[in-house]
Amino acid sequence: MTNNNASRRRPSPANNNKPARPSNYEFVKYVGTGTEVVDDLAAGMAPSWRLLEIAKWHDAKHTGRNSRIAGRLLAMAGQQDAMWVAA
């Protein structure tokens, strides 16, 4: 004999119209620079080819923050290449 109760679905609650819980982003205003992910990057921490590839990815996003990050990455790759030429 099979148990028919095992396949029954739980009934929905009587009051399922609860308002959505707001995100924390609605309460906390962003005051960062937009480039926090690359602010601590120093020459020699990553190879130039990798910085260029990541910059290409960020540049493809076409938003303000991503283009600023791409600019910082390209500048760092240029600094590293200048260090190699000078050495």
C-alpha atoms as a PDB file:
ATOM      1  CA  MET A   1       0.000   0.000   0.000  1.00  0.00           C
ATOM      2  CA  THR A   2       1.401   3.420  -0.928  1.00  0.00           C
ATOM      3  CA  ASN A   3       1.377   6.507   1.217  1.00  0.00           C
ATOM      4  CA  ASN A   4      -0.634   9.200  -0.570  1.00  0.00           C
ATOM      5  CA  ASN A   5       0.321  11.837   2.007  1.00  0.00           C
ATOM      6  CA  ALA A   6       3.942  11.832   0.835  1.00  0.00           C
ATOM      7  CA  SER A   7       3.043  13.318  -2.531  1.00  0.00           C
ATOM      8  CA  ARG A   8       0.669  16.000  -1.288  1.00  0.00           C
ATOM      9  CA  ARG A   9       1.805  19.597  -1.473  1.00  0.00           C
ATOM     10  CA  ARG A  10       1.709  21.831   1.529  1.00  0.00           C
ATOM     11  CA  PRO A  11      -1.189  24.302   1.287  1.00  0.00           C
ATOM     12  CA  SER A  12      -0.198  27.902   0.663  1.00  0.00           C
ATOM     13  CA  PRO A  13      -0.543  30.220   3.654  1.00  0.00           C
ATOM     14  CA  ALA A  14      -3.630  32.423   3.926  1.00  0.00           C
ATOM     15  CA  ASN A  15      -1.596  35.648   3.907  1.00  0.00           C
ATOM     16  CA  ASN A  16       1.137  35.493   1.276  1.00  0.00           C
ATOM     17  CA  ASN A  17       1.032  39.199   0.392  1.00  0.00           C
ATOM     18  CA  LYS A  18       3.999  40.219   2.533  1.00  0.00           C
ATOM     19  CA  PRO A  19       5.900  43.211   1.154  1.00  0.00           C
ATOM     20  CA  ALA A  20       9.356  42.465  -0.219  1.00  0.00           C
ATOM     21  CA  ARG A  21      12.149  43.080   2.242  1.00  0.00           C
ATOM     22  CA  PRO A  22      14.179  46.092   1.075  1.00  0.00           C
ATOM     23  CA  SER A  23      17.811  45.702   0.153  1.00  0.00           C
ATOM     24  CA  ASN A  24      20.519  47.327   2.260  1.00  0.00           C
ATOM     25  CA  TYR A  25      21.567  49.264  -0.824  1.00  0.00           C
ATOM     26  CA  GLU A  26      18.410  51.338  -0.494  1.00  0.00           C
ATOM     27  CA  PHE A  27      19.542  52.598   2.905  1.00  0.00           C
ATOM     28  CA  VAL A  28      23.302  53.006   2.518  1.00  0.00           C
ATOM     29  CA  LYS A  29      24.470  55.631   0.041  1.00  0.00           C
ATOM     30  CA  TYR A  30      27.554  54.606  -1.913  1.00  0.00           C
ATOM     31  CA  VAL A  31      30.404  57.033  -1.274  1.00  0.00           C
ATOM     32  CA  GLY A  32      33.314  55.118  -2.793  1.00  0.00           C
ATOM     33  CA  THR A  33      35.582  56.015  -5.665  1.00  0.00           C
ATOM     34  CA  GLY A  34      34.339  53.224  -7.920  1.00  0.00           C
ATOM     35  CA  THR A  35      37.855  51.867  -8.263  1.00  0.00           C
ATOM     36  CA  GLU A  36      38.282  50.232  -4.848  1.00  0.00           C
ATOM     37  CA  VAL A  37      39.054  46.901  -6.500  1.00  0.00           C
ATOM     38  CA  VAL A  38      42.239  48.306  -8.064  1.00  0.00           C
ATOM     39  CA  ASP A  39      43.223  51.085  -5.657  1.00  0.00           C
ATOM     40  CA  ASP A  40      45.768  48.894  -3.846  1.00  0.00           C
ATOM     41  CA  LEU A  41      47.249  47.475  -7.043  1.00  0.00           C
ATOM     42  CA  ALA A  42      50.986  48.107  -7.332  1.00  0.00           C
ATOM     43  CA  ALA A  43      53.456  47.527 -10.133  1.00  0.00           C
ATOM     44  CA  GLY A  44      54.626  43.927 -10.311  1.00  0.00           C
ATOM     45  CA  MET A  45      51.603  42.386  -8.557  1.00  0.00           C
ATOM     46  CA  ALA A  46      50.190  40.935 -11.789  1.00  0.00           C
ATOM     47  CA  PRO A  47      51.621  40.464 -15.275  1.00  0.00           C
ATOM     48  CA  SER A  48      50.829  43.176 -17.817  1.00  0.00           C
ATOM     49  CA  TRP A  49      49.088  40.764 -20.176  1.00  0.00           C
ATOM     50  CA  ARG A  50      46.648  39.830 -17.421  1.00  0.00           C
ATOM     51  CA  LEU A  51      45.979  43.474 -16.542  1.00  0.00           C
ATOM     52  CA  LEU A  52      45.260  44.181 -20.218  1.00  0.00           C
ATOM     53  CA  GLU A  53      42.838  41.249 -20.496  1.00  0.00           C
ATOM     54  CA  ILE A  54      40.973  42.314 -17.368  1.00  0.00           C
ATOM     55  CA  ALA A  55      40.894  45.900 -18.630  1.00  0.00           C
ATOM     56  CA  LYS A  56      39.356  44.676 -21.901  1.00  0.00           C
ATOM     57  CA  TRP A  57      36.656  42.849 -19.942  1.00  0.00           C
ATOM     58  CA  HIS A  58      35.861  45.931 -17.840  1.00  0.00           C
ATOM     59  CA  ASP A  59      35.918  48.211 -20.874  1.00  0.00           C
ATOM     60  CA  ALA A  60      33.371  46.001 -22.645  1.00  0.00           C
ATOM     61  CA  LYS A  61      30.858  46.709 -19.864  1.00  0.00           C
ATOM     62  CA  HIS A  62      30.619  50.395 -20.944  1.00  0.00           C
ATOM     63  CA  THR A  63      29.611  51.807 -17.591  1.00  0.00           C
ATOM     64  CA  GLY A  64      31.267  54.570 -15.634  1.00  0.00           C
ATOM     65  CA  ARG A  65      32.731  52.386 -12.912  1.00  0.00           C
ATOM     66  CA  ASN A  66      33.998  49.703 -15.265  1.00  0.00           C
ATOM     67  CA  SER A  67      35.614  52.208 -17.598  1.00  0.00           C
ATOM     68  CA  ARG A  68      37.422  53.841 -14.655  1.00  0.00           C
ATOM     69  CA  ILE A  69      38.673  50.426 -13.510  1.00  0.00           C
ATOM     70  CA  ALA A  70      39.845  49.656 -17.058  1.00  0.00           C
ATOM     71  CA  GLY A  71      41.691  52.969 -17.154  1.00  0.00           C
ATOM     72  CA  ARG A  72      43.496  52.212 -13.906  1.00  0.00           C
ATOM     73  CA  LEU A  73      44.462  48.749 -15.144  1.00  0.00           C
ATOM     74  CA  LEU A  74      45.772  50.124 -18.437  1.00  0.00           C
ATOM     75  CA  ALA A  75      47.778  52.769 -16.583  1.00  0.00           C
ATOM     76  CA  MET A  76      49.293  50.117 -14.315  1.00  0.00           C
ATOM     77  CA  ALA A  77      50.205  47.928 -17.302  1.00  0.00           C
ATOM     78  CA  GLY A  78      51.860  50.971 -18.907  1.00  0.00           C
ATOM     79  CA  GLN A  79      53.854  51.649 -15.730  1.00  0.00           C
ATOM     80  CA  GLN A  80      55.027  48.050 -15.612  1.00  0.00           C
ATOM     81  CA  ASP A  81      56.052  48.097 -19.268  1.00  0.00           C
ATOM     82  CA  ALA A  82      57.941  51.362 -18.722  1.00  0.00           C
ATOM     83  CA  MET A  83      59.766  49.756 -15.785  1.00  0.00           C
ATOM     84  CA  TRP A  84      60.807  46.827 -17.973  1.00  0.00           C
ATOM     85  CA  VAL A  85      62.072  49.132 -20.753  1.00  0.00           C
ATOM     86  CA  ALA A  86      64.033  51.263 -18.293  1.00  0.00           C
ATOM     87  CA  ALA A  87      65.668  48.237 -16.676  1.00  0.00           C
END
